[in-house]
Amino acid sequence: MSSANTSRPSAKDLPTLSPEVMARLCKALGHPARMAIIEFLKTNNQCLCGRIVKQLPLAQSTVSQHLKYLKNCGLITDRMSRGTRGYCLNHALMAQLQRSLSELLRI
């Protein structure tokens, strides 16, 4: 599966997220397995579920639950192609979260 648009948004061009949205996304990232999935998808765009499962010491059903959680939060997206589901990061939302957290934590 190939990504139609590989350009990534610039964080400075995106609005900051509301505190409610930031809290929901931080909660999604608050599990080590979900953090590992995000880290893996950073370098493996449009990755199939089976490849993600091979990277984690978890059952396929557990990985699927974490993927569903991340998808429901909007941090990842999925696409069906020839009967298989591929996942990739939502780069726009990740950039917004990065900018929002940076502004929140700025001293």
PDB file of N, CA and C in Angstrom:
ATOM      1  N   MET A   1       0.829  -1.162   0.000  1.00  0.00           N
ATOM      2  CA  MET A   1       0.000   0.000   0.000  1.00  0.00           C
ATOM      3  C   MET A   1       0.877   1.228   0.000  1.00  0.00           C
ATOM      4  N   SER A   2       0.543   2.193  -0.788  1.00  0.00           N
ATOM      5  CA  SER A   2       1.337   3.404  -0.838  1.00  0.00           C
ATOM      6  C   SER A   2       0.508   4.583  -0.394  1.00  0.00           C
ATOM      7  N   SER A   3       1.164   5.534   0.181  1.00  0.00           N
ATOM      8  CA  SER A   3       0.496   6.727   0.663  1.00  0.00           C
ATOM      9  C   SER A   3       0.402   7.727  -0.478  1.00  0.00           C
ATOM     10  N   ALA A   4      -0.790   8.295  -0.686  1.00  0.00           N
ATOM     11  CA  ALA A   4      -0.984   9.241  -1.772  1.00  0.00           C
ATOM     12  C   ALA A   4      -0.281  10.564  -1.493  1.00  0.00           C
ATOM     13  N   ASN A   5      -0.250  10.971  -0.242  1.00  0.00           N
ATOM     14  CA  ASN A   5       0.359  12.239   0.119  1.00  0.00           C
ATOM     15  C   ASN A   5       1.395  11.990   1.203  1.00  0.00           C
ATOM     16  N   THR A   6       2.663  12.095   0.819  1.00  0.00           N
ATOM     17  CA  THR A   6       3.722  11.803   1.779  1.00  0.00           C
ATOM     18  C   THR A   6       4.238  13.048   2.477  1.00  0.00           C
ATOM     19  N   SER A   7       3.750  14.245   2.073  1.00  0.00           N
ATOM     20  CA  SER A   7       4.212  15.453   2.750  1.00  0.00           C
ATOM     21  C   SER A   7       3.594  15.529   4.135  1.00  0.00           C
ATOM     22  N   ARG A   8       4.410  15.993   5.063  1.00  0.00           N
ATOM     23  CA  ARG A   8       3.951  16.089   6.437  1.00  0.00           C
ATOM     24  C   ARG A   8       3.700  17.541   6.774  1.00  0.00           C
ATOM     25  N   PRO A   9       2.620  17.796   7.508  1.00  0.00           N
ATOM     26  CA  PRO A   9       2.306  19.179   7.844  1.00  0.00           C
ATOM     27  C   PRO A   9       3.331  19.769   8.797  1.00  0.00           C
ATOM     28  N   SER A  10       3.523  21.058   8.667  1.00  0.00           N
ATOM     29  CA  SER A  10       4.411  21.775   9.582  1.00  0.00           C
ATOM     30  C   SER A  10       3.614  22.105  10.837  1.00  0.00           C
ATOM     31  N   ALA A  11       4.172  21.814  11.997  1.00  0.00           N
ATOM     32  CA  ALA A  11       3.488  22.048  13.260  1.00  0.00           C
ATOM     33  C   ALA A  11       3.160  23.523  13.452  1.00  0.00           C
ATOM     34  N   LYS A  12       3.996  24.413  12.946  1.00  0.00           N
ATOM     35  CA  LYS A  12       3.750  25.842  13.141  1.00  0.00           C
ATOM     36  C   LYS A  12       2.532  26.332  12.379  1.00  0.00           C
ATOM     37  N   ASP A  13       2.096  25.598  11.361  1.00  0.00           N
ATOM     38  CA  ASP A  13       0.942  26.000  10.568  1.00  0.00           C
ATOM     39  C   ASP A  13      -0.373  25.445  11.099  1.00  0.00           C
ATOM     40  N   LEU A  14      -0.316  24.659  12.158  1.00  0.00           N
ATOM     41  CA  LEU A  14      -1.520  24.006  12.673  1.00  0.00           C
ATOM     42  C   LEU A  14      -1.997  24.666  13.961  1.00  0.00           C
ATOM     43  N   PRO A  15      -3.313  24.677  14.174  1.00  0.00           N
ATOM     44  CA  PRO A  15      -3.831  25.224  15.434  1.00  0.00           C
ATOM     45  C   PRO A  15      -3.524  24.277  16.593  1.00  0.00           C
ATOM     46  N   THR A  16      -3.479  24.828  17.794  1.00  0.00           N
ATOM     47  CA  THR A  16      -3.278  23.982  18.965  1.00  0.00           C
ATOM     48  C   THR A  16      -4.585  23.252  19.271  1.00  0.00           C
ATOM     49  N   LEU A  17      -4.459  22.152  19.961  1.00  0.00           N
ATOM     50  CA  LEU A  17      -5.609  21.331  20.326  1.00  0.00           C
ATOM     51  C   LEU A  17      -6.214  21.816  21.636  1.00  0.00           C
ATOM     52  N   SER A  18      -7.481  21.517  21.825  1.00  0.00           N
ATOM     53  CA  SER A  18      -8.137  21.859  23.091  1.00  0.00           C
ATOM     54  C   SER A  18      -7.566  20.975  24.198  1.00  0.00           C
ATOM     55  N   PRO A  19      -7.667  21.414  25.445  1.00  0.00           N
ATOM     56  CA  PRO A  19      -7.187  20.585  26.555  1.00  0.00           C
ATOM     57  C   PRO A  19      -7.868  19.215  26.604  1.00  0.00           C
ATOM     58  N   GLU A  20      -9.140  19.148  26.250  1.00  0.00           N
ATOM     59  CA  GLU A  20      -9.862  17.873  26.263  1.00  0.00           C
ATOM     60  C   GLU A  20      -9.292  16.898  25.235  1.00  0.00           C
ATOM     61  N   VAL A  21      -9.030  17.405  24.042  1.00  0.00           N
ATOM     62  CA  VAL A  21      -8.473  16.549  22.982  1.00  0.00           C
ATOM     63  C   VAL A  21      -7.055  16.127  23.353  1.00  0.00           C
ATOM     64  N   MET A  22      -6.263  17.059  23.872  1.00  0.00           N
ATOM     65  CA  MET A  22      -4.900  16.719  24.282  1.00  0.00           C
ATOM     66  C   MET A  22      -4.906  15.633  25.349  1.00  0.00           C
ATOM     67  N   ALA A  23      -5.811  15.742  26.324  1.00  0.00           N
ATOM     68  CA  ALA A  23      -5.888  14.736  27.386  1.00  0.00           C
ATOM     69  C   ALA A  23      -6.259  13.369  26.813  1.00  0.00           C
ATOM     70  N   ARG A  24      -7.200  13.338  25.871  1.00  0.00           N
ATOM     71  CA  ARG A  24      -7.616  12.068  25.260  1.00  0.00           C
ATOM     72  C   ARG A  24      -6.461  11.432  24.495  1.00  0.00           C
ATOM     73  N   LEU A  25      -5.718  12.231  23.756  1.00  0.00           N
ATOM     74  CA  LEU A  25      -4.594  11.703  22.980  1.00  0.00           C
ATOM     75  C   LEU A  25      -3.453  11.255  23.885  1.00  0.00           C
ATOM     76  N   CYS A  26      -3.197  12.010  24.947  1.00  0.00           N
ATOM     77  CA  CYS A  26      -2.148  11.605  25.893  1.00  0.00           C
ATOM     78  C   CYS A  26      -2.523  10.302  26.587  1.00  0.00           C
ATOM     79  N   LYS A  27      -3.801  10.137  26.875  1.00  0.00           N
ATOM     80  CA  LYS A  27      -4.251   8.877  27.479  1.00  0.00           C
ATOM     81  C   LYS A  27      -4.013   7.721  26.507  1.00  0.00           C
ATOM     82  N   ALA A  28      -4.272   7.958  25.233  1.00  0.00           N
ATOM     83  CA  ALA A  28      -4.043   6.919  24.227  1.00  0.00           C
ATOM     84  C   ALA A  28      -2.571   6.534  24.165  1.00  0.00           C
ATOM     85  N   LEU A  29      -1.692   7.506  24.368  1.00  0.00           N
ATOM     86  CA  LEU A  29      -0.254   7.238  24.338  1.00  0.00           C
ATOM     87  C   LEU A  29       0.275   6.730  25.667  1.00  0.00           C
ATOM     88  N   GLY A  30      -0.605   6.619  26.652  1.00  0.00           N
ATOM     89  CA  GLY A  30      -0.196   6.229  27.996  1.00  0.00           C
ATOM     90  C   GLY A  30      -0.036   4.742  28.224  1.00  0.00           C
ATOM     91  N   HIS A  31      -0.001   3.953  27.185  1.00  0.00           N
ATOM     92  CA  HIS A  31       0.209   2.507  27.317  1.00  0.00           C
ATOM     93  C   HIS A  31       1.450   2.130  26.507  1.00  0.00           C
ATOM     94  N   PRO A  32       2.364   1.366  27.090  1.00  0.00           N
ATOM     95  CA  PRO A  32       3.606   1.018  26.379  1.00  0.00           C
ATOM     96  C   PRO A  32       3.380   0.342  25.025  1.00  0.00           C
ATOM     97  N   ALA A  33       2.366  -0.490  24.905  1.00  0.00           N
ATOM     98  CA  ALA A  33       2.118  -1.163  23.618  1.00  0.00           C
ATOM     99  C   ALA A  33       1.691  -0.157  22.556  1.00  0.00           C
ATOM    100  N   ARG A  34       0.857   0.800  22.939  1.00  0.00           N
ATOM    101  CA  ARG A  34       0.427   1.804  21.973  1.00  0.00           C
ATOM    102  C   ARG A  34       1.588   2.725  21.596  1.00  0.00           C
ATOM    103  N   MET A  35       2.449   3.017  22.560  1.00  0.00           N
ATOM    104  CA  MET A  35       3.643   3.817  22.247  1.00  0.00           C
ATOM    105  C   MET A  35       4.542   3.055  21.267  1.00  0.00           C
ATOM    106  N   ALA A  36       4.674   1.759  21.456  1.00  0.00           N
ATOM    107  CA  ALA A  36       5.497   0.937  20.558  1.00  0.00           C
ATOM    108  C   ALA A  36       4.889   0.902  19.156  1.00  0.00           C
ATOM    109  N   ILE A  37       3.576   0.844  19.066  1.00  0.00           N
ATOM    110  CA  ILE A  37       2.909   0.844  17.754  1.00  0.00           C
ATOM    111  C   ILE A  37       3.174   2.165  17.042  1.00  0.00           C
ATOM    112  N   ILE A  38       3.023   3.276  17.761  1.00  0.00           N
ATOM    113  CA  ILE A  38       3.278   4.592  17.171  1.00  0.00           C
ATOM    114  C   ILE A  38       4.733   4.680  16.702  1.00  0.00           C
ATOM    115  N   GLU A  39       5.651   4.246  17.536  1.00  0.00           N
ATOM    116  CA  GLU A  39       7.078   4.280  17.171  1.00  0.00           C
ATOM    117  C   GLU A  39       7.335   3.447  15.913  1.00  0.00           C
ATOM    118  N   PHE A  40       6.731   2.272  15.837  1.00  0.00           N
ATOM    119  CA  PHE A  40       6.908   1.402  14.671  1.00  0.00           C
ATOM    120  C   PHE A  40       6.330   2.055  13.410  1.00  0.00           C
ATOM    121  N   LEU A  41       5.155   2.660  13.538  1.00  0.00           N
ATOM    122  CA  LEU A  41       4.509   3.265  12.372  1.00  0.00           C
ATOM    123  C   LEU A  41       5.230   4.532  11.894  1.00  0.00           C
ATOM    124  N   LYS A  42       6.034   5.139  12.751  1.00  0.00           N
ATOM    125  CA  LYS A  42       6.798   6.312  12.324  1.00  0.00           C
ATOM    126  C   LYS A  42       7.739   5.965  11.181  1.00  0.00           C
ATOM    127  N   THR A  43       8.232   4.754  11.161  1.00  0.00           N
ATOM    128  CA  THR A  43       9.179   4.354  10.121  1.00  0.00           C
ATOM    129  C   THR A  43       8.611   3.318   9.157  1.00  0.00           C
ATOM    130  N   ASN A  44       7.387   2.900   9.379  1.00  0.00           N
ATOM    131  CA  ASN A  44       6.767   1.872   8.530  1.00  0.00           C
ATOM    132  C   ASN A  44       5.362   2.313   8.144  1.00  0.00           C
ATOM    133  N   ASN A  45       5.275   3.297   7.267  1.00  0.00           N
ATOM    134  CA  ASN A  45       3.978   3.824   6.868  1.00  0.00           C
ATOM    135  C   ASN A  45       3.163   2.761   6.127  1.00  0.00           C
ATOM    136  N   GLN A  46       1.850   2.776   6.349  1.00  0.00           N
ATOM    137  CA  GLN A  46       0.927   1.820   5.732  1.00  0.00           C
ATOM    138  C   GLN A  46       1.320   0.380   6.062  1.00  0.00           C
ATOM    139  N   CYS A  47       1.516   0.128   7.320  1.00  0.00           N
ATOM    140  CA  CYS A  47       1.953  -1.185   7.780  1.00  0.00           C
ATOM    141  C   CYS A  47       0.763  -2.109   8.024  1.00  0.00           C
ATOM    142  N   LEU A  48       0.909  -3.356   7.649  1.00  0.00           N
ATOM    143  CA  LEU A  48      -0.127  -4.347   7.873  1.00  0.00           C
ATOM    144  C   LEU A  48      -0.123  -4.808   9.326  1.00  0.00           C
ATOM    145  N   CYS A  49      -1.277  -5.175   9.799  1.00  0.00           N
ATOM    146  CA  CYS A  49      -1.430  -5.609  11.192  1.00  0.00           C
ATOM    147  C   CYS A  49      -0.458  -6.742  11.530  1.00  0.00           C
ATOM    148  N   GLY A  50      -0.293  -7.681  10.640  1.00  0.00           N
ATOM    149  CA  GLY A  50       0.601  -8.816  10.896  1.00  0.00           C
ATOM    150  C   GLY A  50       2.030  -8.403  11.156  1.00  0.00           C
ATOM    151  N   ARG A  51       2.497  -7.387  10.453  1.00  0.00           N
ATOM    152  CA  ARG A  51       3.862  -6.889  10.683  1.00  0.00           C
ATOM    153  C   ARG A  51       3.982  -6.224  12.039  1.00  0.00           C
ATOM    154  N   ILE A  52       2.921  -5.536  12.454  1.00  0.00           N
ATOM    155  CA  ILE A  52       2.930  -4.897  13.769  1.00  0.00           C
ATOM    156  C   ILE A  52       2.942  -5.966  14.853  1.00  0.00           C
ATOM    157  N   VAL A  53       2.133  -7.004  14.675  1.00  0.00           N
ATOM    158  CA  VAL A  53       2.065  -8.098  15.652  1.00  0.00           C
ATOM    159  C   VAL A  53       3.436  -8.738  15.836  1.00  0.00           C
ATOM    160  N   LYS A  54       4.180  -8.903  14.743  1.00  0.00           N
ATOM    161  CA  LYS A  54       5.508  -9.521  14.826  1.00  0.00           C
ATOM    162  C   LYS A  54       6.495  -8.677  15.626  1.00  0.00           C
ATOM    163  N   GLN A  55       6.240  -7.385  15.720  1.00  0.00           N
ATOM    164  CA  GLN A  55       7.148  -6.487  16.433  1.00  0.00           C
ATOM    165  C   GLN A  55       6.889  -6.430  17.938  1.00  0.00           C
ATOM    166  N   LEU A  56       5.721  -6.882  18.357  1.00  0.00           N
ATOM    167  CA  LEU A  56       5.337  -6.766  19.763  1.00  0.00           C
ATOM    168  C   LEU A  56       5.189  -8.131  20.415  1.00  0.00           C
ATOM    169  N   PRO A  57       5.533  -8.233  21.688  1.00  0.00           N
ATOM    170  CA  PRO A  57       5.390  -9.517  22.392  1.00  0.00           C
ATOM    171  C   PRO A  57       3.968  -9.712  22.920  1.00  0.00           C
ATOM    172  N   LEU A  58       2.988  -9.473  22.047  1.00  0.00           N
ATOM    173  CA  LEU A  58       1.575  -9.558  22.443  1.00  0.00           C
ATOM    174  C   LEU A  58       0.804 -10.409  21.443  1.00  0.00           C
ATOM    175  N   ALA A  59      -0.309 -10.929  21.897  1.00  0.00           N
ATOM    176  CA  ALA A  59      -1.186 -11.706  21.017  1.00  0.00           C
ATOM    177  C   ALA A  59      -1.789 -10.794  19.951  1.00  0.00           C
ATOM    178  N   GLN A  60      -2.133 -11.378  18.815  1.00  0.00           N
ATOM    179  CA  GLN A  60      -2.722 -10.621  17.719  1.00  0.00           C
ATOM    180  C   GLN A  60      -3.978  -9.896  18.170  1.00  0.00           C
ATOM    181  N   SER A  61      -4.801 -10.543  18.982  1.00  0.00           N
ATOM    182  CA  SER A  61      -6.044  -9.916  19.429  1.00  0.00           C
ATOM    183  C   SER A  61      -5.770  -8.694  20.304  1.00  0.00           C
ATOM    184  N   THR A  62      -4.721  -8.761  21.113  1.00  0.00           N
ATOM    185  CA  THR A  62      -4.352  -7.627  21.964  1.00  0.00           C
ATOM    186  C   THR A  62      -3.846  -6.466  21.120  1.00  0.00           C
ATOM    187  N   VAL A  63      -3.003  -6.765  20.140  1.00  0.00           N
ATOM    188  CA  VAL A  63      -2.506  -5.724  19.234  1.00  0.00           C
ATOM    189  C   VAL A  63      -3.678  -5.087  18.497  1.00  0.00           C
ATOM    190  N   SER A  64      -4.625  -5.893  18.050  1.00  0.00           N
ATOM    191  CA  SER A  64      -5.798  -5.372  17.349  1.00  0.00           C
ATOM    192  C   SER A  64      -6.596  -4.421  18.234  1.00  0.00           C
ATOM    193  N   GLN A  65      -6.721  -4.740  19.518  1.00  0.00           N
ATOM    194  CA  GLN A  65      -7.434  -3.854  20.446  1.00  0.00           C
ATOM    195  C   GLN A  65      -6.703  -2.518  20.578  1.00  0.00           C
ATOM    196  N   HIS A  66      -5.381  -2.554  20.661  1.00  0.00           N
ATOM    197  CA  HIS A  66      -4.612  -1.315  20.763  1.00  0.00           C
ATOM    198  C   HIS A  66      -4.705  -0.498  19.468  1.00  0.00           C
ATOM    199  N   LEU A  67      -4.672  -1.171  18.327  1.00  0.00           N
ATOM    200  CA  LEU A  67      -4.830  -0.479  17.051  1.00  0.00           C
ATOM    201  C   LEU A  67      -6.200   0.189  16.973  1.00  0.00           C
ATOM    202  N   LYS A  68      -7.221  -0.504  17.422  1.00  0.00           N
ATOM    203  CA  LYS A  68      -8.574   0.062  17.416  1.00  0.00           C
ATOM    204  C   LYS A  68      -8.639   1.296  18.313  1.00  0.00           C
ATOM    205  N   TYR A  69      -8.010   1.234  19.476  1.00  0.00           N
ATOM    206  CA  TYR A  69      -7.993   2.370  20.406  1.00  0.00           C
ATOM    207  C   TYR A  69      -7.321   3.576  19.757  1.00  0.00           C
ATOM    208  N   LEU A  70      -6.160   3.348  19.152  1.00  0.00           N
ATOM    209  CA  LEU A  70      -5.436   4.430  18.492  1.00  0.00           C
ATOM    210  C   LEU A  70      -6.224   5.001  17.311  1.00  0.00           C
ATOM    211  N   LYS A  71      -6.905   4.126  16.582  1.00  0.00           N
ATOM    212  CA  LYS A  71      -7.711   4.567  15.448  1.00  0.00           C
ATOM    213  C   LYS A  71      -8.899   5.398  15.940  1.00  0.00           C
ATOM    214  N   ASN A  72      -9.563   4.941  16.995  1.00  0.00           N
ATOM    215  CA  ASN A  72     -10.715   5.669  17.518  1.00  0.00           C
ATOM    216  C   ASN A  72     -10.339   7.053  18.036  1.00  0.00           C
ATOM    217  N   CYS A  73      -9.106   7.198  18.508  1.00  0.00           N
ATOM    218  CA  CYS A  73      -8.606   8.500  18.970  1.00  0.00           C
ATOM    219  C   CYS A  73      -8.159   9.373  17.807  1.00  0.00           C
ATOM    220  N   GLY A  74      -7.973   8.777  16.659  1.00  0.00           N
ATOM    221  CA  GLY A  74      -7.555   9.530  15.488  1.00  0.00           C
ATOM    222  C   GLY A  74      -6.059   9.583  15.260  1.00  0.00           C
ATOM    223  N   LEU A  75      -5.273   8.950  16.135  1.00  0.00           N
ATOM    224  CA  LEU A  75      -3.816   8.998  15.986  1.00  0.00           C
ATOM    225  C   LEU A  75      -3.319   8.175  14.805  1.00  0.00           C
ATOM    226  N   ILE A  76      -4.072   7.151  14.431  1.00  0.00           N
ATOM    227  CA  ILE A  76      -3.731   6.354  13.252  1.00  0.00           C
ATOM    228  C   ILE A  76      -4.962   6.233  12.365  1.00  0.00           C
ATOM    229  N   THR A  77      -4.724   5.913  11.129  1.00  0.00           N
ATOM    230  CA  THR A  77      -5.806   5.642  10.188  1.00  0.00           C
ATOM    231  C   THR A  77      -5.578   4.259   9.597  1.00  0.00           C
ATOM    232  N   ASP A  78      -6.624   3.727   8.994  1.00  0.00           N
ATOM    233  CA  ASP A  78      -6.475   2.420   8.347  1.00  0.00           C
ATOM    234  C   ASP A  78      -7.090   2.465   6.966  1.00  0.00           C
ATOM    235  N   ARG A  79      -6.663   1.507   6.159  1.00  0.00           N
ATOM    236  CA  ARG A  79      -7.167   1.399   4.800  1.00  0.00           C
ATOM    237  C   ARG A  79      -7.144  -0.065   4.388  1.00  0.00           C
ATOM    238  N   MET A  80      -8.224  -0.490   3.768  1.00  0.00           N
ATOM    239  CA  MET A  80      -8.298  -1.862   3.257  1.00  0.00           C
ATOM    240  C   MET A  80      -7.770  -1.889   1.828  1.00  0.00           C
ATOM    241  N   SER A  81      -6.971  -2.904   1.531  1.00  0.00           N
ATOM    242  CA  SER A  81      -6.466  -3.100   0.185  1.00  0.00           C
ATOM    243  C   SER A  81      -6.304  -4.596  -0.049  1.00  0.00           C
ATOM    244  N   ARG A  82      -7.025  -5.095  -1.005  1.00  0.00           N
ATOM    245  CA  ARG A  82      -6.969  -6.523  -1.361  1.00  0.00           C
ATOM    246  C   ARG A  82      -7.209  -7.425  -0.162  1.00  0.00           C
ATOM    247  N   GLY A  83      -8.163  -7.050   0.663  1.00  0.00           N
ATOM    248  CA  GLY A  83      -8.551  -7.891   1.795  1.00  0.00           C
ATOM    249  C   GLY A  83      -7.686  -7.782   3.026  1.00  0.00           C
ATOM    250  N   THR A  84      -6.694  -6.910   3.006  1.00  0.00           N
ATOM    251  CA  THR A  84      -5.852  -6.716   4.190  1.00  0.00           C
ATOM    252  C   THR A  84      -5.935  -5.265   4.640  1.00  0.00           C
ATOM    253  N   ARG A  85      -5.758  -5.058   5.933  1.00  0.00           N
ATOM    254  CA  ARG A  85      -5.865  -3.723   6.505  1.00  0.00           C
ATOM    255  C   ARG A  85      -4.472  -3.183   6.821  1.00  0.00           C
ATOM    256  N   GLY A  86      -4.209  -1.981   6.308  1.00  0.00           N
ATOM    257  CA  GLY A  86      -2.952  -1.312   6.587  1.00  0.00           C
ATOM    258  C   GLY A  86      -3.190  -0.118   7.485  1.00  0.00           C
ATOM    259  N   TYR A  87      -2.223   0.174   8.325  1.00  0.00           N
ATOM    260  CA  TYR A  87      -2.326   1.279   9.275  1.00  0.00           C
ATOM    261  C   TYR A  87      -1.207   2.277   9.027  1.00  0.00           C
ATOM    262  N   CYS A  88      -1.505   3.546   9.286  1.00  0.00           N
ATOM    263  CA  CYS A  88      -0.475   4.578   9.221  1.00  0.00           C
ATOM    264  C   CYS A  88      -0.804   5.682  10.213  1.00  0.00           C
ATOM    265  N   LEU A  89       0.203   6.477  10.531  1.00  0.00           N
ATOM    266  CA  LEU A  89       0.015   7.583  11.454  1.00  0.00           C
ATOM    267  C   LEU A  89      -0.823   8.674  10.807  1.00  0.00           C
ATOM    268  N   ASN A  90      -1.587   9.364  11.631  1.00  0.00           N
ATOM    269  CA  ASN A  90      -2.266  10.578  11.207  1.00  0.00           C
ATOM    270  C   ASN A  90      -1.275  11.709  11.484  1.00  0.00           C
ATOM    271  N   HIS A  91      -0.467  12.017  10.483  1.00  0.00           N
ATOM    272  CA  HIS A  91       0.627  12.974  10.673  1.00  0.00           C
ATOM    273  C   HIS A  91       0.120  14.361  11.053  1.00  0.00           C
ATOM    274  N   ALA A  92      -1.017  14.770  10.513  1.00  0.00           N
ATOM    275  CA  ALA A  92      -1.547  16.094  10.847  1.00  0.00           C
ATOM    276  C   ALA A  92      -1.898  16.177  12.329  1.00  0.00           C
ATOM    277  N   LEU A  93      -2.561  15.157  12.847  1.00  0.00           N
ATOM    278  CA  LEU A  93      -2.932  15.175  14.262  1.00  0.00           C
ATOM    279  C   LEU A  93      -1.701  15.038  15.157  1.00  0.00           C
ATOM    280  N   MET A  94      -0.740  14.218  14.748  1.00  0.00           N
ATOM    281  CA  MET A  94       0.486  14.078  15.529  1.00  0.00           C
ATOM    282  C   MET A  94       1.231  15.422  15.593  1.00  0.00           C
ATOM    283  N   ALA A  95       1.252  16.163  14.484  1.00  0.00           N
ATOM    284  CA  ALA A  95       1.912  17.470  14.468  1.00  0.00           C
ATOM    285  C   ALA A  95       1.170  18.454  15.371  1.00  0.00           C
ATOM    286  N   GLN A  96      -0.156  18.415  15.345  1.00  0.00           N
ATOM    287  CA  GLN A  96      -0.935  19.283  16.236  1.00  0.00           C
ATOM    288  C   GLN A  96      -0.673  18.952  17.696  1.00  0.00           C
ATOM    289  N   LEU A  97      -0.618  17.665  18.006  1.00  0.00           N
ATOM    290  CA  LEU A  97      -0.345  17.258  19.384  1.00  0.00           C
ATOM    291  C   LEU A  97       1.047  17.703  19.806  1.00  0.00           C
ATOM    292  N   GLN A  98       2.003  17.530  18.929  1.00  0.00           N
ATOM    293  CA  GLN A  98       3.371  17.949  19.237  1.00  0.00           C
ATOM    294  C   GLN A  98       3.418  19.451  19.523  1.00  0.00           C
ATOM    295  N   ARG A  99       2.777  20.235  18.681  1.00  0.00           N
ATOM    296  CA  ARG A  99       2.770  21.690  18.882  1.00  0.00           C
ATOM    297  C   ARG A  99       2.049  22.058  20.173  1.00  0.00           C
ATOM    298  N   SER A 100       0.903  21.429  20.420  1.00  0.00           N
ATOM    299  CA  SER A 100       0.115  21.740  21.608  1.00  0.00           C
ATOM    300  C   SER A 100       0.873  21.395  22.883  1.00  0.00           C
ATOM    301  N   LEU A 101       1.522  20.237  22.897  1.00  0.00           N
ATOM    302  CA  LEU A 101       2.294  19.844  24.076  1.00  0.00           C
ATOM    303  C   LEU A 101       3.502  20.747  24.260  1.00  0.00           C
ATOM    304  N   SER A 102       4.122  21.138  23.164  1.00  0.00           N
ATOM    305  CA  SER A 102       5.267  22.030  23.242  1.00  0.00           C
ATOM    306  C   SER A 102       4.857  23.362  23.867  1.00  0.00           C
ATOM    307  N   GLU A 103       3.721  23.886  23.460  1.00  0.00           N
ATOM    308  CA  GLU A 103       3.244  25.138  24.029  1.00  0.00           C
ATOM    309  C   GLU A 103       2.848  24.971  25.489  1.00  0.00           C
ATOM    310  N   LEU A 104       2.237  23.861  25.814  1.00  0.00           N
ATOM    311  CA  LEU A 104       1.841  23.605  27.198  1.00  0.00           C
ATOM    312  C   LEU A 104       3.058  23.514  28.103  1.00  0.00           C
ATOM    313  N   LEU A 105       4.104  22.868  27.644  1.00  0.00           N
ATOM    314  CA  LEU A 105       5.281  22.609  28.476  1.00  0.00           C
ATOM    315  C   LEU A 105       6.353  23.687  28.381  1.00  0.00           C
ATOM    316  N   ARG A 106       6.108  24.698  27.593  1.00  0.00           N
ATOM    317  CA  ARG A 106       7.081  25.778  27.445  1.00  0.00           C
ATOM    318  C   ARG A 106       7.225  26.515  28.775  1.00  0.00           C
ATOM    319  N   ILE A 107       8.458  26.716  29.181  1.00  0.00           N
ATOM    320  CA  ILE A 107       8.736  27.389  30.466  1.00  0.00           C
ATOM    321  C   ILE A 107       9.252  28.784  30.174  1.00  0.00           C
TER     322      ILE A 107
END
